[in-house]
C-alpha atoms as a PDB file:
ATOM      1  CA  MET A   1      26.672   5.349 104.959  1.00  0.00           C
ATOM      2  CA  ALA A   2      28.759   2.798 103.006  1.00  0.00           C
ATOM      3  CA  VAL A   3      28.636  -0.850 103.927  1.00  0.00           C
ATOM      4  CA  TYR A   4      32.063  -2.375 103.811  1.00  0.00           C
ATOM      5  CA  LEU A   5      33.269  -5.951 103.647  1.00  0.00           C
ATOM      6  CA  ILE A   6      34.453  -7.127 107.022  1.00  0.00           C
ATOM      7  CA  GLN A   7      36.976  -9.924 107.734  1.00  0.00           C
ATOM      8  CA  SER A   8      34.280 -12.522 108.391  1.00  0.00           C
ATOM      9  CA  ASP A   9      32.646 -11.658 104.986  1.00  0.00           C
ATOM     10  CA  LEU A  10      35.994 -11.998 103.248  1.00  0.00           C
ATOM     11  CA  ASN A  11      36.759 -15.399 104.951  1.00  0.00           C
ATOM     12  CA  GLU A  12      33.307 -16.823 104.172  1.00  0.00           C
ATOM     13  CA  ARG A  13      33.328 -15.721 100.554  1.00  0.00           C
ATOM     14  CA  LEU A  14      36.842 -16.971  99.972  1.00  0.00           C
ATOM     15  CA  GLN A  15      35.950 -20.309 101.517  1.00  0.00           C
ATOM     16  CA  LYS A  16      32.995 -20.713  99.119  1.00  0.00           C
ATOM     17  CA  ALA A  17      35.303 -19.745  96.248  1.00  0.00           C
ATOM     18  CA  TYR A  18      37.884 -22.410  97.300  1.00  0.00           C
ATOM     19  CA  ILE A  19      35.152 -25.049  97.404  1.00  0.00           C
ATOM     20  CA  CYS A  20      33.924 -24.029  93.931  1.00  0.00           C
ATOM     21  CA  ALA A  21      37.499 -24.174  92.558  1.00  0.00           C
ATOM     22  CA  GLY A  22      37.932 -27.635  94.040  1.00  0.00           C
ATOM     23  CA  ASN A  23      34.699 -28.879  92.612  1.00  0.00           C
ATOM     24  CA  LEU A  24      35.427 -27.397  89.214  1.00  0.00           C
ATOM     25  CA  ALA A  25      38.909 -28.949  89.131  1.00  0.00           C
ATOM     26  CA  TYR A  26      37.517 -32.353  90.213  1.00  0.00           C
ATOM     27  CA  ASN A  27      34.789 -32.378  87.571  1.00  0.00           C
ATOM     28  CA  THR A  28      37.192 -31.299  84.839  1.00  0.00           C
ATOM     29  CA  SER A  29      39.741 -33.977  85.738  1.00  0.00           C
ATOM     30  CA  LYS A  30      36.917 -36.557  85.890  1.00  0.00           C
ATOM     31  CA  GLU A  31      35.853 -35.601  82.316  1.00  0.00           C
ATOM     32  CA  TYR A  32      39.411 -36.047  81.128  1.00  0.00           C
ATOM     33  CA  ARG A  33      39.769 -39.379  82.971  1.00  0.00           C
ATOM     34  CA  TYR A  34      36.667 -40.787  81.250  1.00  0.00           C
ATOM     35  CA  GLY A  35      37.729 -39.445  77.850  1.00  0.00           C
ATOM     36  CA  ILE A  36      35.078 -36.816  77.634  1.00  0.00           C
ATOM     37  CA  LYS A  37      36.287 -33.813  75.663  1.00  0.00           C
ATOM     38  CA  CYS A  38      36.612 -31.057  78.202  1.00  0.00           C
ATOM     39  CA  ALA A  39      35.147 -27.769  77.083  1.00  0.00           C
ATOM     40  CA  ASP A  40      37.583 -24.886  76.969  1.00  0.00           C
ATOM     41  CA  LYS A  41      35.129 -23.037  79.148  1.00  0.00           C
ATOM     42  CA  HIS A  42      35.926 -25.224  82.119  1.00  0.00           C
ATOM     43  CA  LEU A  43      39.688 -24.534  81.818  1.00  0.00           C
ATOM     44  CA  GLU A  44      39.020 -20.805  81.333  1.00  0.00           C
ATOM     45  CA  ASP A  45      36.810 -20.774  84.437  1.00  0.00           C
ATOM     46  CA  MET A  46      39.386 -22.614  86.482  1.00  0.00           C
ATOM     47  CA  PHE A  47      42.077 -20.138  85.423  1.00  0.00           C
ATOM     48  CA  LEU A  48      39.926 -17.082  86.164  1.00  0.00           C
ATOM     49  CA  LEU A  49      38.774 -18.421  89.441  1.00  0.00           C
ATOM     50  CA  THR A  50      42.326 -19.079  90.541  1.00  0.00           C
ATOM     51  CA  VAL A  51      43.425 -15.583  89.554  1.00  0.00           C
ATOM     52  CA  PHE A  52      40.468 -13.945  91.257  1.00  0.00           C
ATOM     53  CA  ILE A  53      41.109 -15.884  94.463  1.00  0.00           C
ATOM     54  CA  LYS A  54      44.803 -15.005  94.407  1.00  0.00           C
ATOM     55  CA  ILE A  55      43.961 -11.323  94.026  1.00  0.00           C
ATOM     56  CA  LEU A  56      41.418 -11.352  96.782  1.00  0.00           C
ATOM     57  CA  GLN A  57      43.818 -13.086  99.211  1.00  0.00           C
ATOM     58  CA  CYS A  58      45.858  -9.838  99.402  1.00  0.00           C
ATOM     59  CA  TYR A  59      42.795  -7.693 100.133  1.00  0.00           C
ATOM     60  CA  ILE A  60      42.534  -6.220 103.625  1.00  0.00           C
ATOM     61  CA  PRO A  61      39.046  -5.122 104.708  1.00  0.00           C
ATOM     62  CA  ILE A  62      38.641  -1.414 105.329  1.00  0.00           C
ATOM     63  CA  THR A  63      38.885  -0.372 108.947  1.00  0.00           C
ATOM     64  CA  ALA A  64      39.702   2.870 110.728  1.00  0.00           C
ATOM     65  CA  LEU A  65      43.378   1.889 110.384  1.00  0.00           C
ATOM     66  CA  THR A  66      43.462   0.985 106.721  1.00  0.00           C
ATOM     67  CA  GLU A  67      40.924   3.455 105.314  1.00  0.00           C
ATOM     68  CA  ASN A  68      43.467   6.057 104.350  1.00  0.00           C
ATOM     69  CA  ASP A  69      46.548   3.876 103.993  1.00  0.00           C
ATOM     70  CA  ASN A  70      47.702   2.299 100.764  1.00  0.00           C
ATOM     71  CA  LEU A  71      47.920  -1.156 102.191  1.00  0.00           C
ATOM     72  CA  ASN A  72      45.489  -2.760  99.787  1.00  0.00           C
ATOM     73  CA  CYS A  73      46.333  -4.331  96.466  1.00  0.00           C
ATOM     74  CA  ILE A  74      42.759  -3.565  95.260  1.00  0.00           C
ATOM     75  CA  THR A  75      39.923  -1.311  96.182  1.00  0.00           C
ATOM     76  CA  GLU A  76      36.712  -2.345  97.975  1.00  0.00           C
ATOM     77  CA  LYS A  77      34.786  -1.826  94.730  1.00  0.00           C
ATOM     78  CA  GLN A  78      37.173  -4.081  92.859  1.00  0.00           C
ATOM     79  CA  ALA A  79      36.913  -6.802  95.576  1.00  0.00           C
ATOM     80  CA  ILE A  80      33.132  -6.742  95.339  1.00  0.00           C
ATOM     81  CA  TYR A  81      33.356  -6.920  91.498  1.00  0.00           C
ATOM     82  CA  LEU A  82      35.672  -9.968  91.718  1.00  0.00           C
ATOM     83  CA  PHE A  83      33.232 -11.717  94.093  1.00  0.00           C
ATOM     84  CA  GLU A  84      30.380 -11.009  91.624  1.00  0.00           C
ATOM     85  CA  GLN A  85      32.475 -12.627  88.855  1.00  0.00           C
ATOM     86  CA  ILE A  86      33.209 -15.629  91.114  1.00  0.00           C
ATOM     87  CA  SER A  87      29.458 -15.844  91.788  1.00  0.00           C
ATOM     88  CA  GLU A  88      28.755 -16.052  88.071  1.00  0.00           C
ATOM     89  CA  ILE A  89      31.453 -18.645  87.379  1.00  0.00           C
ATOM     90  CA  CYS A  90      30.355 -20.824  90.292  1.00  0.00           C
ATOM     91  CA  ASN A  91      26.640 -20.275  89.731  1.00  0.00           C
ATOM     92  CA  MET A  92      26.140 -19.355  93.396  1.00  0.00           C
ATOM     93  CA  SER A  93      25.349 -16.381  95.489  1.00  0.00           C
ATOM     94  CA  PHE A  94      27.085 -14.901  98.479  1.00  0.00           C
ATOM     95  CA  ASP A  95      25.417 -13.700 101.631  1.00  0.00           C
ATOM     96  CA  THR A  96      24.917  -9.996 101.933  1.00  0.00           C
ATOM     97  CA  ILE A  97      27.727  -7.921 103.409  1.00  0.00           C
ATOM     98  CA  ASN A  98      28.009  -7.840 107.233  1.00  0.00           C
ATOM     99  CA  THR A  99      25.988 -11.003 107.658  1.00  0.00           C
ATOM    100  CA  THR A 100      26.603 -12.899 110.940  1.00  0.00           C
ATOM    101  CA  TYR A 101      28.031 -16.339 110.025  1.00  0.00           C
END
């Protein structure tokens, strides 16, 4: 039996991604403010993180109503892959799917 992302998983993971994006933007701006050459990697990470979050915001968790419909902009597999990429960029891990928050 497949384990699907549920709405609370999506909300929790997106919230962590928002926090990471904010921290990354703050640290990058602080480096610029103090004249430290910002690595291109920080800017690339901020761009990717923003794109990943924007894509994930349109994802609707699979339920009995959405399982066969074409309501989603991405598949469950793609959503999980994007969260894995966010995890790498932010150097953090997400809770397992269907965790009670």
